[in-house]
Amino acid sequence: MSFNLLTPHQFSSDDEKWMRLALEQASFAEMQGEIPVGAVIVSQNQVIGVGYNAPITLQDPTAHAEIVALRDACARIQNYRLPDDAVLYVTLEPCTMCVGALIHARIHKVIFATYEPKAGSLLSARQLLKNNGYYNHIFEYQDGCLQQEASALLSAFFKKRRAEKKQ
């Protein structure tokens, strides 16, 4: 299988609708004092899983938005593997742990809003799927859907956090 980066910035109105739902999830994380990252999993034009960052709240280092959404979707469909058409919309580029979980869950496609320069594992710090001979499943991915909105949410959160630490 070849490297599966789709052409960026070609998003449907449905893509934007689902990413807006992921941004709502990110806002829930922010209300809990968590880094504002949200995720939504869609299959057959229906939401099958939602999640937001909750490692502090749940005292669980694996409670990233993607993992929480995967757990929700798998519980709803009663299967550890996702439907063949499942798409994850997430406001921040997934990390190594989340990419691994998405491979195991057999996600079809990931659409993320903005990059994670330090821990992003699709395009930024690591390009885990680029040399895909190691994995038994590869998914498509696309970046940039509502990037400005997601970046602004994260920037405002960290600006506020830095200001709080100064006081």
Protein backbone atom coordinates (compact mmCIF):
# COMPACT_ATOMS: atom_id res chain seq x y z
CA MET A 1 0.00 0.00 0.00
CA SER A 2 1.27 3.47 -0.74
CA PHE A 3 1.57 6.57 1.41
CA ASN A 4 -1.98 7.82 1.80
CA LEU A 5 -1.96 11.58 2.29
CA LEU A 6 -4.93 13.09 0.52
CA THR A 7 -4.72 16.49 -1.12
CA PRO A 8 -5.22 19.07 1.64
CA HIS A 9 -7.87 21.76 1.72
CA GLN A 10 -10.52 19.90 -0.27
CA PHE A 11 -13.30 19.49 2.24
CA SER A 12 -17.02 18.96 1.81
CA SER A 13 -19.70 20.77 3.77
CA ASP A 14 -20.19 17.50 5.68
CA ASP A 15 -16.48 17.46 6.60
CA GLU A 16 -16.82 20.96 7.99
CA LYS A 17 -20.02 20.03 9.83
CA TRP A 18 -18.34 17.08 11.56
CA MET A 19 -15.23 19.12 12.36
CA ARG A 20 -17.44 21.77 13.97
CA LEU A 21 -18.81 19.00 16.18
CA ALA A 22 -15.23 18.04 17.06
CA LEU A 23 -14.55 21.70 17.92
CA GLU A 24 -17.57 21.61 20.25
CA GLN A 25 -16.04 18.57 21.94
CA ALA A 26 -12.77 20.51 22.26
CA SER A 27 -14.68 23.28 24.04
CA PHE A 28 -15.97 20.72 26.55
CA ALA A 29 -12.36 19.75 27.26
CA GLU A 30 -11.43 23.39 27.79
CA MET A 31 -14.31 23.81 30.27
CA GLN A 32 -12.76 20.98 32.29
CA GLY A 33 -9.33 22.64 32.24
CA GLU A 34 -8.04 20.13 29.70
CA ILE A 35 -6.16 20.94 26.50
CA PRO A 36 -8.98 21.68 24.03
CA VAL A 37 -8.91 18.77 21.63
CA GLY A 38 -12.09 17.12 20.38
CA ALA A 39 -12.89 14.15 18.19
CA VAL A 40 -15.91 12.72 16.38
CA ILE A 41 -16.16 9.39 14.54
CA VAL A 42 -18.68 9.18 11.70
CA SER A 43 -19.96 6.15 9.78
CA GLN A 44 -22.75 6.20 7.17
CA ASN A 45 -23.23 9.92 7.84
CA GLN A 46 -24.00 9.23 11.52
CA VAL A 47 -21.94 10.03 14.60
CA ILE A 48 -20.91 6.77 16.22
CA GLY A 49 -18.37 8.14 18.71
CA VAL A 50 -17.40 11.39 20.38
CA GLY A 51 -14.65 12.39 22.75
CA TYR A 52 -12.54 15.14 24.13
CA ASN A 53 -9.25 15.31 25.97
CA ALA A 54 -9.69 14.12 29.55
CA PRO A 55 -6.39 12.73 30.93
CA ILE A 56 -6.46 15.04 33.98
CA THR A 57 -10.16 14.66 34.66
CA LEU A 58 -10.11 10.87 34.28
CA GLN A 59 -6.60 10.48 35.73
CA ASP A 60 -5.81 8.44 32.64
CA PRO A 61 -2.83 9.29 30.41
CA THR A 62 -4.50 7.49 27.49
CA ALA A 63 -7.67 9.63 27.61
CA HIS A 64 -6.83 11.64 24.51
CA ALA A 65 -9.82 12.82 22.46
CA GLU A 66 -9.21 10.17 19.78
CA ILE A 67 -9.03 7.32 22.30
CA VAL A 68 -12.14 8.52 24.14
CA ALA A 69 -14.01 8.72 20.81
CA LEU A 70 -12.76 5.25 19.81
CA ARG A 71 -13.94 3.78 23.10
CA ASP A 72 -17.32 5.45 22.68
CA ALA A 73 -17.72 4.23 19.08
CA CYS A 74 -16.63 0.68 19.86
CA ALA A 75 -19.03 0.50 22.82
CA ARG A 76 -21.89 1.78 20.66
CA ILE A 77 -21.27 -0.63 17.79
CA GLN A 78 -20.22 -3.44 20.15
CA ASN A 79 -17.07 -4.25 18.24
CA TYR A 80 -13.41 -3.37 18.71
CA ARG A 81 -13.09 -2.71 15.00
CA LEU A 82 -14.78 0.20 13.30
CA PRO A 83 -16.97 0.00 10.18
CA ASP A 84 -15.11 0.11 6.86
CA ASP A 85 -16.21 3.68 6.16
CA ALA A 86 -15.45 5.19 9.61
CA VAL A 87 -13.89 8.65 9.54
CA LEU A 88 -12.32 10.38 12.54
CA TYR A 89 -12.55 14.17 12.69
CA VAL A 90 -10.11 15.53 15.25
CA THR A 91 -9.05 19.08 16.00
CA LEU A 92 -5.34 18.29 16.47
CA GLU A 93 -2.98 15.96 14.61
CA PRO A 94 -2.89 12.59 16.42
CA CYS A 95 0.10 11.48 18.49
CA THR A 96 1.91 8.15 18.21
CA MET A 97 -0.37 6.42 20.74
CA CYS A 98 -3.50 7.59 18.94
CA VAL A 99 -2.21 6.63 15.49
CA GLY A 100 -1.50 3.13 16.84
CA ALA A 101 -5.00 2.84 18.28
CA LEU A 102 -6.53 4.07 15.01
CA ILE A 103 -4.59 1.43 13.10
CA HIS A 104 -5.82 -1.31 15.44
CA ALA A 105 -9.42 -0.04 15.25
CA ARG A 106 -9.20 -0.05 11.43
CA ILE A 107 -10.23 3.55 10.92
CA HIS A 108 -10.77 4.32 7.23
CA LYS A 109 -9.75 7.98 7.25
CA VAL A 110 -8.60 10.73 9.61
CA ILE A 111 -9.29 14.40 8.98
CA PHE A 112 -7.50 16.70 11.38
CA ALA A 113 -7.69 20.45 11.75
CA THR A 114 -4.26 21.61 12.83
CA TYR A 115 -0.73 20.34 13.26
CA GLU A 116 0.98 19.23 16.45
CA PRO A 117 4.63 20.17 15.82
CA LYS A 118 6.05 18.33 18.85
CA ALA A 119 4.03 15.12 18.97
CA GLY A 120 2.08 14.93 15.70
CA SER A 121 2.57 11.54 14.13
CA LEU A 122 1.08 11.85 10.66
CA LEU A 123 2.82 14.90 9.17
CA SER A 124 4.71 16.81 11.86
CA ALA A 125 7.20 15.26 14.28
CA ARG A 126 6.77 11.70 12.99
CA GLN A 127 5.31 10.39 9.77
CA LEU A 128 4.35 6.96 10.99
CA LEU A 129 2.36 5.92 7.95
CA LYS A 130 4.91 7.11 5.40
CA ASN A 131 6.89 3.87 5.62
CA ASN A 132 3.80 1.73 5.88
CA GLY A 133 5.37 -1.70 5.34
CA TYR A 134 5.28 -2.15 9.11
CA TYR A 135 1.52 -2.03 9.62
CA ASN A 136 -1.26 -4.41 8.71
CA HIS A 137 -3.68 -1.52 8.19
CA ILE A 138 -3.13 1.95 6.76
CA PHE A 139 -5.63 4.77 6.73
CA GLU A 140 -6.03 7.88 4.63
CA TYR A 141 -5.59 11.27 6.25
CA GLN A 142 -6.09 14.89 5.40
CA ASP A 143 -5.07 18.04 7.23
CA GLY A 144 -6.39 21.58 7.45
CA CYS A 145 -10.16 21.28 7.88
CA LEU A 146 -11.13 24.38 9.93
CA GLN A 147 -7.47 24.81 10.82
CA GLN A 148 -7.79 28.49 11.81
CA GLU A 149 -10.59 27.77 14.28
CA ALA A 150 -8.76 24.88 15.92
CA SER A 151 -5.45 26.77 16.07
CA ALA A 152 -7.15 29.81 17.61
CA LEU A 153 -8.80 27.66 20.29
CA LEU A 154 -5.50 26.04 21.23
CA SER A 155 -3.55 29.32 21.13
CA ALA A 156 -6.07 31.08 23.38
CA PHE A 157 -6.00 28.17 25.83
CA PHE A 158 -2.21 28.17 26.16
CA LYS A 159 -2.04 31.98 26.31
CA LYS A 160 -4.51 31.92 29.20
CA ARG A 161 -2.60 29.10 30.91
CA ARG A 162 0.71 31.00 30.64
CA ALA A 163 -0.92 34.13 32.07
CA GLU A 164 -2.33 32.12 34.99
CA LYS A 165 1.09 30.65 35.74
CA LYS A 166 2.65 34.13 35.86
CA GLN A 167 0.20 35.23 38.57
